[in-house]
């Protein structure tokens, strides 16, 4: 059963329960009031209850029908005059039917019980109007509460749609950026190192096939994300050779945690492009992932030349990852990036 269907079913059941409560409440109030009036006029308690119960049950169902009129005349879209006239007329009609029931039932009861009940029908008519209008007020209250809930659900739905659109926008930045850089690398190797360029192109094809499969998912395991990162680093290893080394250490429990797809990809790409590539001797990229107190903690370390000239685009991957984390975790995740003493470190923490 879909979420929308389940919500609709729950609301229908809730409306049915409220309708029964309304019938019971009006019937109970009518019975209690009528018994009091009859008892004050000298009737015994048992006889007063026997006289009041059938008409009061009928008034409860009459009051229930006011819900349909309330739904047809919502407070927000109907003039106050129209509402007053409609409900005044229906209250008079309903109370008239209630009094007619009294007039039909009391003579029968008097004959069966050999009694002489003499209700004040004008009082009962006024009581019927008051109880009917009280039911109208309750129905309007329930309708307004239901409208408020629907408005809150609509706000939540649009908020979720906005978050999904934001995630798609962040995701759209990752693939073209990486593809552009990778194709540039293949092109630069075609003339001087054709065999290695061919190997790199083949690895790229396999890599993008995997991205198309996993990138369409909302979440993947950290283990699958690390597999993507390792494939990317294998591609870059063809280009950099011994200048690029990697150390990846991921706890088994951490590898089963769910993360957004391609979360680490732009960060590792930054580590290669602006870290290892900027160092003549190359360097090592360290990736460590642990699970502590239900928080997944990921560290990415790479060397960084403080005197490197071109740092344009270095912040794209970081801001992209930070934005995606904020969108999927509603602000509970954290990403920090800092550079000290020739080392660049990115720290990610997000709930399990």
C-alpha atoms as a PDB file:
ATOM      1  CA  UNK A   1       0.000   0.000   0.000  1.00  0.00           C
ATOM      2  CA  UNK A   2       1.406   3.388  -0.983  1.00  0.00           C
ATOM      3  CA  UNK A   3       1.972   6.164   1.527  1.00  0.00           C
ATOM      4  CA  UNK A   4      -0.773   8.282  -0.053  1.00  0.00           C
ATOM      5  CA  UNK A   5      -3.297   5.419   0.063  1.00  0.00           C
ATOM      6  CA  UNK A   6      -2.399   4.608   3.656  1.00  0.00           C
ATOM      7  CA  UNK A   7      -2.795   8.254   4.657  1.00  0.00           C
ATOM      8  CA  UNK A   8      -6.175   8.474   2.913  1.00  0.00           C
ATOM      9  CA  UNK A   9      -7.357   5.289   4.648  1.00  0.00           C
ATOM     10  CA  UNK A  10      -6.266   6.555   8.057  1.00  0.00           C
ATOM     11  CA  UNK A  11      -8.079   9.838   7.496  1.00  0.00           C
ATOM     12  CA  UNK A  12     -11.249   8.055   6.388  1.00  0.00           C
ATOM     13  CA  UNK A  13     -11.178   5.880   9.508  1.00  0.00           C
ATOM     14  CA  UNK A  14     -10.536   8.943  11.642  1.00  0.00           C
ATOM     15  CA  UNK A  15     -13.499  10.779  10.077  1.00  0.00           C
ATOM     16  CA  UNK A  16     -15.719   7.737  10.694  1.00  0.00           C
ATOM     17  CA  UNK A  17     -14.678   7.584  14.346  1.00  0.00           C
ATOM     18  CA  UNK A  18     -15.310  11.310  14.790  1.00  0.00           C
ATOM     19  CA  UNK A  19     -18.767  10.920  13.238  1.00  0.00           C
ATOM     20  CA  UNK A  20     -19.668   8.199  15.737  1.00  0.00           C
ATOM     21  CA  UNK A  21     -18.348  10.321  18.587  1.00  0.00           C
ATOM     22  CA  UNK A  22     -20.460  13.253  17.378  1.00  0.00           C
ATOM     23  CA  UNK A  23     -23.628  11.123  17.258  1.00  0.00           C
ATOM     24  CA  UNK A  24     -22.931   9.742  20.732  1.00  0.00           C
ATOM     25  CA  UNK A  25     -22.111  13.163  22.197  1.00  0.00           C
ATOM     26  CA  UNK A  26     -25.229  14.896  20.847  1.00  0.00           C
ATOM     27  CA  UNK A  27     -27.466  11.955  21.810  1.00  0.00           C
ATOM     28  CA  UNK A  28     -26.003  11.879  25.320  1.00  0.00           C
ATOM     29  CA  UNK A  29     -26.393  15.641  25.763  1.00  0.00           C
ATOM     30  CA  UNK A  30     -29.966  15.559  24.455  1.00  0.00           C
ATOM     31  CA  UNK A  31     -30.875  12.636  26.697  1.00  0.00           C
ATOM     32  CA  UNK A  32     -29.354  14.205  29.809  1.00  0.00           C
ATOM     33  CA  UNK A  33     -31.013  17.567  29.185  1.00  0.00           C
ATOM     34  CA  UNK A  34     -34.400  16.049  28.405  1.00  0.00           C
ATOM     35  CA  UNK A  35     -34.325  13.810  31.461  1.00  0.00           C
ATOM     36  CA  UNK A  36     -33.546  16.820  33.624  1.00  0.00           C
ATOM     37  CA  UNK A  37     -36.475  18.810  32.212  1.00  0.00           C
ATOM     38  CA  UNK A  38     -38.899  15.907  32.553  1.00  0.00           C
ATOM     39  CA  UNK A  39     -37.689  15.101  36.055  1.00  0.00           C
ATOM     40  CA  UNK A  40     -38.164  18.766  37.018  1.00  0.00           C
ATOM     41  CA  UNK A  41     -41.791  18.496  35.813  1.00  0.00           C
ATOM     42  CA  UNK A  42     -42.426  15.566  38.182  1.00  0.00           C
ATOM     43  CA  UNK A  43     -41.611  12.511  36.033  1.00  0.00           C
ATOM     44  CA  UNK A  44     -39.696   9.600  37.536  1.00  0.00           C
ATOM     45  CA  UNK A  45     -36.093   9.085  36.401  1.00  0.00           C
ATOM     46  CA  UNK A  46     -36.871   5.784  34.643  1.00  0.00           C
ATOM     47  CA  UNK A  47     -39.850   7.209  32.777  1.00  0.00           C
ATOM     48  CA  UNK A  48     -37.871  10.333  31.813  1.00  0.00           C
ATOM     49  CA  UNK A  49     -35.074   8.205  30.371  1.00  0.00           C
ATOM     50  CA  UNK A  50     -37.517   5.995  28.453  1.00  0.00           C
ATOM     51  CA  UNK A  51     -39.145   9.105  26.996  1.00  0.00           C
ATOM     52  CA  UNK A  52     -35.926  10.927  26.115  1.00  0.00           C
ATOM     53  CA  UNK A  53     -33.788   8.141  24.665  1.00  0.00           C
ATOM     54  CA  UNK A  54     -35.419   7.453  21.233  1.00  0.00           C
ATOM     55  CA  UNK A  55     -35.829  11.148  20.225  1.00  0.00           C
ATOM     56  CA  UNK A  56     -32.307  11.908  21.466  1.00  0.00           C
ATOM     57  CA  UNK A  57     -30.768   9.154  19.330  1.00  0.00           C
ATOM     58  CA  UNK A  58     -32.604  10.586  16.326  1.00  0.00           C
ATOM     59  CA  UNK A  59     -31.265  14.069  17.126  1.00  0.00           C
ATOM     60  CA  UNK A  60     -27.751  12.650  17.243  1.00  0.00           C
ATOM     61  CA  UNK A  61     -28.054  11.387  13.653  1.00  0.00           C
ATOM     62  CA  UNK A  62     -29.713  14.634  12.562  1.00  0.00           C
ATOM     63  CA  UNK A  63     -26.753  16.546  13.995  1.00  0.00           C
ATOM     64  CA  UNK A  64     -24.412  14.213  12.106  1.00  0.00           C
ATOM     65  CA  UNK A  65     -25.910  15.320   8.790  1.00  0.00           C
ATOM     66  CA  UNK A  66     -24.801  18.879   9.545  1.00  0.00           C
ATOM     67  CA  UNK A  67     -21.261  17.777   8.679  1.00  0.00           C
ATOM     68  CA  UNK A  68     -22.206  17.565   4.997  1.00  0.00           C
ATOM     69  CA  UNK A  69     -23.595  21.089   5.078  1.00  0.00           C
ATOM     70  CA  UNK A  70     -20.428  22.283   6.853  1.00  0.00           C
ATOM     71  CA  UNK A  71     -18.302  20.655   4.142  1.00  0.00           C
ATOM     72  CA  UNK A  72     -20.410  22.310   1.437  1.00  0.00           C
ATOM     73  CA  UNK A  73     -20.097  25.721   3.121  1.00  0.00           C
ATOM     74  CA  UNK A  74     -16.451  26.017   4.255  1.00  0.00           C
ATOM     75  CA  UNK A  75     -15.645  28.945   6.517  1.00  0.00           C
ATOM     76  CA  UNK A  76     -12.811  30.227   4.314  1.00  0.00           C
ATOM     77  CA  UNK A  77     -14.747  30.348   1.037  1.00  0.00           C
ATOM     78  CA  UNK A  78     -18.329  31.192   2.043  1.00  0.00           C
ATOM     79  CA  UNK A  79     -19.866  34.434   3.239  1.00  0.00           C
ATOM     80  CA  UNK A  80     -20.887  34.576   6.888  1.00  0.00           C
ATOM     81  CA  UNK A  81     -24.463  35.504   5.924  1.00  0.00           C
ATOM     82  CA  UNK A  82     -24.854  32.414   3.736  1.00  0.00           C
ATOM     83  CA  UNK A  83     -23.476  30.192   6.489  1.00  0.00           C
ATOM     84  CA  UNK A  84     -25.801  31.731   9.116  1.00  0.00           C
ATOM     85  CA  UNK A  85     -28.930  31.419   6.950  1.00  0.00           C
ATOM     86  CA  UNK A  86     -28.179  27.842   5.880  1.00  0.00           C
ATOM     87  CA  UNK A  87     -27.451  26.551   9.360  1.00  0.00           C
ATOM     88  CA  UNK A  88     -30.317  28.480  10.977  1.00  0.00           C
ATOM     89  CA  UNK A  89     -32.748  26.877   8.526  1.00  0.00           C
ATOM     90  CA  UNK A  90     -31.296  23.400   8.972  1.00  0.00           C
ATOM     91  CA  UNK A  91     -31.257  23.829  12.779  1.00  0.00           C
ATOM     92  CA  UNK A  92     -34.956  24.799  12.763  1.00  0.00           C
ATOM     93  CA  UNK A  93     -35.822  21.876  10.484  1.00  0.00           C
ATOM     94  CA  UNK A  94     -33.813  19.397  12.530  1.00  0.00           C
ATOM     95  CA  UNK A  95     -35.229  20.634  15.825  1.00  0.00           C
ATOM     96  CA  UNK A  96     -38.747  20.515  14.357  1.00  0.00           C
ATOM     97  CA  UNK A  97     -38.212  16.860  13.436  1.00  0.00           C
ATOM     98  CA  UNK A  98     -36.915  16.177  16.920  1.00  0.00           C
ATOM     99  CA  UNK A  99     -40.019  17.773  18.509  1.00  0.00           C
ATOM    100  CA  UNK A 100     -42.294  15.857  16.124  1.00  0.00           C
ATOM    101  CA  UNK A 101     -40.621  12.637  17.305  1.00  0.00           C
ATOM    102  CA  UNK A 102     -41.331  13.637  20.886  1.00  0.00           C
ATOM    103  CA  UNK A 103     -44.978  14.312  20.090  1.00  0.00           C
ATOM    104  CA  UNK A 104     -45.266  10.923  18.389  1.00  0.00           C
ATOM    105  CA  UNK A 105     -43.424   8.940  21.044  1.00  0.00           C
ATOM    106  CA  UNK A 106     -44.767  10.445  24.312  1.00  0.00           C
ATOM    107  CA  UNK A 107     -48.447   9.430  23.751  1.00  0.00           C
ATOM    108  CA  UNK A 108     -47.362   5.864  23.003  1.00  0.00           C
ATOM    109  CA  UNK A 109     -45.229   5.796  26.138  1.00  0.00           C
ATOM    110  CA  UNK A 110     -48.045   7.265  28.239  1.00  0.00           C
ATOM    111  CA  UNK A 111     -50.421   4.502  27.094  1.00  0.00           C
ATOM    112  CA  UNK A 112     -47.888   1.726  27.679  1.00  0.00           C
ATOM    113  CA  UNK A 113     -46.740   3.004  31.109  1.00  0.00           C
ATOM    114  CA  UNK A 114     -50.092   4.393  32.176  1.00  0.00           C
ATOM    115  CA  UNK A 115     -48.398   7.764  32.727  1.00  0.00           C
ATOM    116  CA  UNK A 116     -49.178  11.372  32.034  1.00  0.00           C
ATOM    117  CA  UNK A 117     -45.999  12.980  30.716  1.00  0.00           C
ATOM    118  CA  UNK A 118     -46.463  16.560  29.526  1.00  0.00           C
ATOM    119  CA  UNK A 119     -43.173  17.845  28.050  1.00  0.00           C
ATOM    120  CA  UNK A 120     -42.732  21.535  27.303  1.00  0.00           C
ATOM    121  CA  UNK A 121     -42.261  21.303  23.528  1.00  0.00           C
ATOM    122  CA  UNK A 122     -41.138  24.909  23.162  1.00  0.00           C
ATOM    123  CA  UNK A 123     -38.242  24.214  25.529  1.00  0.00           C
ATOM    124  CA  UNK A 124     -37.398  21.027  23.646  1.00  0.00           C
ATOM    125  CA  UNK A 125     -37.452  22.943  20.357  1.00  0.00           C
ATOM    126  CA  UNK A 126     -34.960  25.484  21.707  1.00  0.00           C
ATOM    127  CA  UNK A 127     -32.810  22.688  23.148  1.00  0.00           C
ATOM    128  CA  UNK A 128     -32.772  20.932  19.779  1.00  0.00           C
ATOM    129  CA  UNK A 129     -31.577  24.106  18.039  1.00  0.00           C
ATOM    130  CA  UNK A 130     -28.784  24.636  20.592  1.00  0.00           C
ATOM    131  CA  UNK A 131     -27.541  21.045  20.332  1.00  0.00           C
ATOM    132  CA  UNK A 132     -27.665  21.128  16.527  1.00  0.00           C
ATOM    133  CA  UNK A 133     -25.662  24.370  16.395  1.00  0.00           C
ATOM    134  CA  UNK A 134     -23.173  22.943  18.906  1.00  0.00           C
ATOM    135  CA  UNK A 135     -22.677  19.989  16.543  1.00  0.00           C
ATOM    136  CA  UNK A 136     -22.146  22.444  13.661  1.00  0.00           C
ATOM    137  CA  UNK A 137     -19.438  24.237  15.646  1.00  0.00           C
ATOM    138  CA  UNK A 138     -17.696  20.929  16.403  1.00  0.00           C
ATOM    139  CA  UNK A 139     -17.854  19.848  12.747  1.00  0.00           C
ATOM    140  CA  UNK A 140     -16.303  23.133  11.632  1.00  0.00           C
ATOM    141  CA  UNK A 141     -13.568  22.681  14.220  1.00  0.00           C
ATOM    142  CA  UNK A 142     -12.774  19.191  12.916  1.00  0.00           C
ATOM    143  CA  UNK A 143     -12.818  20.403   9.305  1.00  0.00           C
ATOM    144  CA  UNK A 144     -10.364  23.199  10.109  1.00  0.00           C
ATOM    145  CA  UNK A 145      -8.053  20.783  11.917  1.00  0.00           C
ATOM    146  CA  UNK A 146      -8.183  18.439   8.913  1.00  0.00           C
ATOM    147  CA  UNK A 147      -7.452  21.330   6.522  1.00  0.00           C
ATOM    148  CA  UNK A 148      -4.478  22.325   8.682  1.00  0.00           C
ATOM    149  CA  UNK A 149      -3.113  18.782   8.586  1.00  0.00           C
ATOM    150  CA  UNK A 150      -3.499  18.643   4.806  1.00  0.00           C
ATOM    151  CA  UNK A 151      -1.676  21.973   4.493  1.00  0.00           C
ATOM    152  CA  UNK A 152       1.163  20.663   6.664  1.00  0.00           C
ATOM    153  CA  UNK A 153       1.369  17.493   4.551  1.00  0.00           C
ATOM    154  CA  UNK A 154       1.483  19.616   1.394  1.00  0.00           C
ATOM    155  CA  UNK A 155       4.287  21.752   2.800  1.00  0.00           C
ATOM    156  CA  UNK A 156       6.218  18.611   3.724  1.00  0.00           C
ATOM    157  CA  UNK A 157       5.668  17.134   0.257  1.00  0.00           C
ATOM    158  CA  UNK A 158       6.958  20.265  -1.473  1.00  0.00           C
ATOM    159  CA  UNK A 159       9.901  20.366   0.912  1.00  0.00           C
ATOM    160  CA  UNK A 160      10.800  16.793  -0.042  1.00  0.00           C
ATOM    161  CA  UNK A 161      10.422  17.615  -3.735  1.00  0.00           C
ATOM    162  CA  UNK A 162      12.695  20.638  -3.296  1.00  0.00           C
ATOM    163  CA  UNK A 163      15.300  18.493  -1.544  1.00  0.00           C
ATOM    164  CA  UNK A 164      15.170  15.880  -4.318  1.00  0.00           C
ATOM    165  CA  UNK A 165      15.592  18.624  -6.931  1.00  0.00           C
ATOM    166  CA  UNK A 166      18.563  19.981  -5.003  1.00  0.00           C
ATOM    167  CA  UNK A 167      20.133  16.529  -4.874  1.00  0.00           C
ATOM    168  CA  UNK A 168      19.633  16.048  -8.608  1.00  0.00           C
ATOM    169  CA  UNK A 169      21.280  19.427  -9.232  1.00  0.00           C
ATOM    170  CA  UNK A 170      24.303  18.461  -7.135  1.00  0.00           C
ATOM    171  CA  UNK A 171      24.477  15.081  -8.854  1.00  0.00           C
ATOM    172  CA  UNK A 172      24.355  16.738 -12.280  1.00  0.00           C
ATOM    173  CA  UNK A 173      27.529  18.685 -11.396  1.00  0.00           C
ATOM    174  CA  UNK A 174      29.549  15.552 -10.637  1.00  0.00           C
ATOM    175  CA  UNK A 175      29.385  13.516 -13.848  1.00  0.00           C
ATOM    176  CA  UNK A 176      30.265  16.207 -16.451  1.00  0.00           C
ATOM    177  CA  UNK A 177      33.055  17.574 -14.273  1.00  0.00           C
ATOM    178  CA  UNK A 178      34.718  14.198 -13.883  1.00  0.00           C
ATOM    179  CA  UNK A 179      34.143  13.221 -17.518  1.00  0.00           C
ATOM    180  CA  UNK A 180      35.724  16.452 -18.753  1.00  0.00           C
ATOM    181  CA  UNK A 181      38.849  15.937 -16.637  1.00  0.00           C
ATOM    182  CA  UNK A 182      39.201  12.260 -17.554  1.00  0.00           C
ATOM    183  CA  UNK A 183      38.860  12.827 -21.301  1.00  0.00           C
ATOM    184  CA  UNK A 184      41.436  15.587 -21.081  1.00  0.00           C
ATOM    185  CA  UNK A 185      43.815  13.125 -19.428  1.00  0.00           C
ATOM    186  CA  UNK A 186      43.244  10.496 -22.154  1.00  0.00           C
ATOM    187  CA  UNK A 187      43.766  13.096 -24.884  1.00  0.00           C
ATOM    188  CA  UNK A 188      47.057  14.227 -23.347  1.00  0.00           C
ATOM    189  CA  UNK A 189      48.372  10.631 -23.407  1.00  0.00           C
ATOM    190  CA  UNK A 190      47.289   9.626 -26.919  1.00  0.00           C
ATOM    191  CA  UNK A 191      50.387  10.977 -28.669  1.00  0.00           C
ATOM    192  CA  UNK A 192      53.175   9.948 -26.298  1.00  0.00           C
ATOM    193  CA  UNK A 193      51.663   6.895 -24.530  1.00  0.00           C
ATOM    194  CA  UNK A 194      49.008   5.365 -26.828  1.00  0.00           C
ATOM    195  CA  UNK A 195      48.859   1.950 -25.132  1.00  0.00           C
ATOM    196  CA  UNK A 196      48.346   3.491 -21.728  1.00  0.00           C
ATOM    197  CA  UNK A 197      45.772   5.898 -23.170  1.00  0.00           C
ATOM    198  CA  UNK A 198      43.890   2.899 -24.576  1.00  0.00           C
ATOM    199  CA  UNK A 199      43.982   1.109 -21.217  1.00  0.00           C
ATOM    200  CA  UNK A 200      42.768   4.259 -19.514  1.00  0.00           C
ATOM    201  CA  UNK A 201      39.907   4.669 -21.995  1.00  0.00           C
ATOM    202  CA  UNK A 202      38.829   1.048 -21.393  1.00  0.00           C
ATOM    203  CA  UNK A 203      38.890   1.554 -17.641  1.00  0.00           C
ATOM    204  CA  UNK A 204      36.866   4.737 -18.096  1.00  0.00           C
ATOM    205  CA  UNK A 205      34.218   2.838 -20.077  1.00  0.00           C
ATOM    206  CA  UNK A 206      33.882   0.233 -17.313  1.00  0.00           C
ATOM    207  CA  UNK A 207      33.850   2.961 -14.683  1.00  0.00           C
ATOM    208  CA  UNK A 208      31.034   4.926 -16.324  1.00  0.00           C
ATOM    209  CA  UNK A 209      28.946   1.788 -16.802  1.00  0.00           C
ATOM    210  CA  UNK A 210      29.133   1.261 -13.055  1.00  0.00           C
ATOM    211  CA  UNK A 211      28.349   4.925 -12.383  1.00  0.00           C
ATOM    212  CA  UNK A 212      25.209   4.736 -14.545  1.00  0.00           C
ATOM    213  CA  UNK A 213      23.979   1.798 -12.473  1.00  0.00           C
ATOM    214  CA  UNK A 214      24.818   3.070  -8.992  1.00  0.00           C
ATOM    215  CA  UNK A 215      24.346   6.778  -9.681  1.00  0.00           C
ATOM    216  CA  UNK A 216      20.632   6.261 -10.332  1.00  0.00           C
ATOM    217  CA  UNK A 217      20.118   5.017  -6.759  1.00  0.00           C
ATOM    218  CA  UNK A 218      19.289   7.273  -3.830  1.00  0.00           C
ATOM    219  CA  UNK A 219      21.693   5.455  -1.509  1.00  0.00           C
ATOM    220  CA  UNK A 220      24.507   2.947  -1.885  1.00  0.00           C
ATOM    221  CA  UNK A 221      26.705   1.290   0.715  1.00  0.00           C
ATOM    222  CA  UNK A 222      30.009   2.876   1.587  1.00  0.00           C
ATOM    223  CA  UNK A 223      31.626  -0.324   0.318  1.00  0.00           C
ATOM    224  CA  UNK A 224      30.161   0.282  -3.147  1.00  0.00           C
ATOM    225  CA  UNK A 225      31.264   3.921  -3.010  1.00  0.00           C
ATOM    226  CA  UNK A 226      34.796   2.851  -2.089  1.00  0.00           C
ATOM    227  CA  UNK A 227      34.764   0.420  -5.021  1.00  0.00           C
ATOM    228  CA  UNK A 228      33.980   3.369  -7.323  1.00  0.00           C
ATOM    229  CA  UNK A 229      36.813   5.357  -5.782  1.00  0.00           C
ATOM    230  CA  UNK A 230      39.260   2.472  -6.240  1.00  0.00           C
ATOM    231  CA  UNK A 231      38.270   2.152  -9.908  1.00  0.00           C
ATOM    232  CA  UNK A 232      38.805   5.877 -10.390  1.00  0.00           C
ATOM    233  CA  UNK A 233      42.219   5.739  -8.692  1.00  0.00           C
ATOM    234  CA  UNK A 234      43.165   2.766 -10.906  1.00  0.00           C
ATOM    235  CA  UNK A 235      42.400   4.953 -13.926  1.00  0.00           C
ATOM    236  CA  UNK A 236      44.543   7.772 -12.583  1.00  0.00           C
ATOM    237  CA  UNK A 237      47.295   5.268 -11.717  1.00  0.00           C
ATOM    238  CA  UNK A 238      47.694   4.634 -15.451  1.00  0.00           C
ATOM    239  CA  UNK A 239      48.405   8.334 -15.942  1.00  0.00           C
ATOM    240  CA  UNK A 240      50.577   9.034 -12.889  1.00  0.00           C
ATOM    241  CA  UNK A 241      52.317   5.682 -12.446  1.00  0.00           C
ATOM    242  CA  UNK A 242      54.505   5.516  -9.323  1.00  0.00           C
ATOM    243  CA  UNK A 243      53.745   9.130  -8.487  1.00  0.00           C
ATOM    244  CA  UNK A 244      50.336   8.063  -7.159  1.00  0.00           C
ATOM    245  CA  UNK A 245      49.956   5.686  -4.222  1.00  0.00           C
ATOM    246  CA  UNK A 246      46.843   5.032  -2.153  1.00  0.00           C
ATOM    247  CA  UNK A 247      46.052   3.642   1.283  1.00  0.00           C
ATOM    248  CA  UNK A 248      42.385   2.761   1.886  1.00  0.00           C
ATOM    249  CA  UNK A 249      41.238   1.446   5.259  1.00  0.00           C
ATOM    250  CA  UNK A 250      37.491   0.954   5.779  1.00  0.00           C
ATOM    251  CA  UNK A 251      35.988  -0.871   8.769  1.00  0.00           C
ATOM    252  CA  UNK A 252      33.729  -3.766   7.838  1.00  0.00           C
ATOM    253  CA  UNK A 253      30.832  -2.268   9.805  1.00  0.00           C
ATOM    254  CA  UNK A 254      31.406   1.163   8.247  1.00  0.00           C
ATOM    255  CA  UNK A 255      31.386  -0.341   4.749  1.00  0.00           C
ATOM    256  CA  UNK A 256      27.744  -1.369   5.246  1.00  0.00           C
ATOM    257  CA  UNK A 257      26.577   2.175   6.017  1.00  0.00           C
ATOM    258  CA  UNK A 258      24.435   3.900   3.385  1.00  0.00           C
ATOM    259  CA  UNK A 259      25.702   7.082   1.706  1.00  0.00           C
ATOM    260  CA  UNK A 260      24.685   9.191  -1.314  1.00  0.00           C
ATOM    261  CA  UNK A 261      26.241   7.828  -4.529  1.00  0.00           C
ATOM    262  CA  UNK A 262      29.351   9.632  -5.786  1.00  0.00           C
ATOM    263  CA  UNK A 263      29.824  11.398  -2.463  1.00  0.00           C
ATOM    264  CA  UNK A 264      33.571  10.721  -2.284  1.00  0.00           C
ATOM    265  CA  UNK A 265      34.278  10.824  -6.032  1.00  0.00           C
ATOM    266  CA  UNK A 266      34.697  14.625  -6.397  1.00  0.00           C
ATOM    267  CA  UNK A 267      36.718  14.787  -3.168  1.00  0.00           C
ATOM    268  CA  UNK A 268      39.149  12.097  -4.325  1.00  0.00           C
ATOM    269  CA  UNK A 269      39.325  13.787  -7.730  1.00  0.00           C
ATOM    270  CA  UNK A 270      40.342  17.000  -5.959  1.00  0.00           C
ATOM    271  CA  UNK A 271      42.983  15.049  -4.042  1.00  0.00           C
ATOM    272  CA  UNK A 272      44.487  13.790  -7.313  1.00  0.00           C
ATOM    273  CA  UNK A 273      44.140  16.896  -9.430  1.00  0.00           C
ATOM    274  CA  UNK A 274      45.098  19.560  -6.887  1.00  0.00           C
ATOM    275  CA  UNK A 275      47.190  17.401  -4.580  1.00  0.00           C
ATOM    276  CA  UNK A 276      49.214  14.630  -6.208  1.00  0.00           C
ATOM    277  CA  UNK A 277      49.334  16.310  -9.634  1.00  0.00           C
ATOM    278  CA  UNK A 278      50.751  19.510  -8.129  1.00  0.00           C
ATOM    279  CA  UNK A 279      53.699  17.675  -6.516  1.00  0.00           C
ATOM    280  CA  UNK A 280      56.715  16.784  -8.638  1.00  0.00           C
ATOM    281  CA  UNK A 281      57.329  13.626  -6.655  1.00  0.00           C
ATOM    282  CA  UNK A 282      53.595  12.826  -6.408  1.00  0.00           C
ATOM    283  CA  UNK A 283      52.190  11.591  -3.137  1.00  0.00           C
ATOM    284  CA  UNK A 284      49.862   9.301  -1.231  1.00  0.00           C
ATOM    285  CA  UNK A 285      46.108   9.570  -0.828  1.00  0.00           C
ATOM    286  CA  UNK A 286      44.828   8.104   2.448  1.00  0.00           C
ATOM    287  CA  UNK A 287      41.160   7.202   2.930  1.00  0.00           C
ATOM    288  CA  UNK A 288      39.974   5.977   6.332  1.00  0.00           C
ATOM    289  CA  UNK A 289      36.375   5.195   7.325  1.00  0.00           C
ATOM    290  CA  UNK A 290      35.245   4.188  10.811  1.00  0.00           C
ATOM    291  CA  UNK A 291      31.934   3.886  12.677  1.00  0.00           C
ATOM    292  CA  UNK A 292      31.907   5.457  16.144  1.00  0.00           C
ATOM    293  CA  UNK A 293      28.821   5.978  18.325  1.00  0.00           C
ATOM    294  CA  UNK A 294      26.467   5.501  15.339  1.00  0.00           C
ATOM    295  CA  UNK A 295      28.354   8.194  13.400  1.00  0.00           C
ATOM    296  CA  UNK A 296      30.182   7.367  10.174  1.00  0.00           C
ATOM    297  CA  UNK A 297      33.502   9.217  10.026  1.00  0.00           C
ATOM    298  CA  UNK A 298      35.474   9.418   6.764  1.00  0.00           C
ATOM    299  CA  UNK A 299      38.942  11.004   6.406  1.00  0.00           C
ATOM    300  CA  UNK A 300      40.607  11.836   3.091  1.00  0.00           C
ATOM    301  CA  UNK A 301      44.231  13.031   3.263  1.00  0.00           C
ATOM    302  CA  UNK A 302      46.431  14.076   0.380  1.00  0.00           C
ATOM    303  CA  UNK A 303      49.620  16.119  -0.093  1.00  0.00           C
ATOM    304  CA  UNK A 304      49.193  19.731  -1.178  1.00  0.00           C
ATOM    305  CA  UNK A 305      51.753  22.165  -2.511  1.00  0.00           C
ATOM    306  CA  UNK A 306      51.127  25.484  -0.725  1.00  0.00           C
ATOM    307  CA  UNK A 307      52.760  27.325  -3.636  1.00  0.00           C
ATOM    308  CA  UNK A 308      50.624  25.767  -6.351  1.00  0.00           C
ATOM    309  CA  UNK A 309      49.486  28.420  -8.821  1.00  0.00           C
ATOM    310  CA  UNK A 310      46.146  27.099 -10.075  1.00  0.00           C
ATOM    311  CA  UNK A 311      43.558  26.261  -7.432  1.00  0.00           C
ATOM    312  CA  UNK A 312      40.477  27.149  -9.485  1.00  0.00           C
ATOM    313  CA  UNK A 313      37.782  24.540  -9.174  1.00  0.00           C
ATOM    314  CA  UNK A 314      39.256  23.085  -6.004  1.00  0.00           C
ATOM    315  CA  UNK A 315      36.200  24.141  -4.014  1.00  0.00           C
ATOM    316  CA  UNK A 316      33.596  22.698  -6.421  1.00  0.00           C
ATOM    317  CA  UNK A 317      33.915  19.125  -5.189  1.00  0.00           C
ATOM    318  CA  UNK A 318      33.908  20.145  -1.537  1.00  0.00           C
ATOM    319  CA  UNK A 319      30.899  22.443  -1.851  1.00  0.00           C
ATOM    320  CA  UNK A 320      29.069  19.833  -3.884  1.00  0.00           C
ATOM    321  CA  UNK A 321      29.639  17.155  -1.237  1.00  0.00           C
ATOM    322  CA  UNK A 322      28.728  19.559   1.569  1.00  0.00           C
ATOM    323  CA  UNK A 323      25.490  20.532  -0.170  1.00  0.00           C
ATOM    324  CA  UNK A 324      24.481  16.929  -0.807  1.00  0.00           C
ATOM    325  CA  UNK A 325      25.206  15.942   2.793  1.00  0.00           C
ATOM    326  CA  UNK A 326      23.136  18.855   4.080  1.00  0.00           C
ATOM    327  CA  UNK A 327      20.225  17.927   1.812  1.00  0.00           C
ATOM    328  CA  UNK A 328      20.121  14.215   2.674  1.00  0.00           C
ATOM    329  CA  UNK A 329      20.720  14.590   6.422  1.00  0.00           C
ATOM    330  CA  UNK A 330      18.721  17.786   7.108  1.00  0.00           C
ATOM    331  CA  UNK A 331      21.787  19.465   8.570  1.00  0.00           C
ATOM    332  CA  UNK A 332      22.915  16.582  10.799  1.00  0.00           C
ATOM    333  CA  UNK A 333      25.988  15.742   8.712  1.00  0.00           C
ATOM    334  CA  UNK A 334      29.249  17.673   8.706  1.00  0.00           C
ATOM    335  CA  UNK A 335      32.067  18.202   6.220  1.00  0.00           C
ATOM    336  CA  UNK A 336      35.267  20.054   7.111  1.00  0.00           C
ATOM    337  CA  UNK A 337      38.249  20.767   4.887  1.00  0.00           C
ATOM    338  CA  UNK A 338      41.558  22.227   6.031  1.00  0.00           C
ATOM    339  CA  UNK A 339      45.131  22.480   4.796  1.00  0.00           C
ATOM    340  CA  UNK A 340      48.097  22.469   7.188  1.00  0.00           C
ATOM    341  CA  UNK A 341      51.822  21.874   6.678  1.00  0.00           C
ATOM    342  CA  UNK A 342      51.536  20.559   3.153  1.00  0.00           C
ATOM    343  CA  UNK A 343      48.645  18.206   3.882  1.00  0.00           C
ATOM    344  CA  UNK A 344      45.037  18.666   2.846  1.00  0.00           C
ATOM    345  CA  UNK A 345      42.385  16.846   4.897  1.00  0.00           C
ATOM    346  CA  UNK A 346      38.650  16.418   4.382  1.00  0.00           C
ATOM    347  CA  UNK A 347      36.596  15.099   7.320  1.00  0.00           C
ATOM    348  CA  UNK A 348      33.034  13.836   6.839  1.00  0.00           C
ATOM    349  CA  UNK A 349      30.727  12.834   9.665  1.00  0.00           C
ATOM    350  CA  UNK A 350      27.145  11.696   9.113  1.00  0.00           C
ATOM    351  CA  UNK A 351      24.599   9.650  11.080  1.00  0.00           C
ATOM    352  CA  UNK A 352      24.569   5.954  10.358  1.00  0.00           C
END
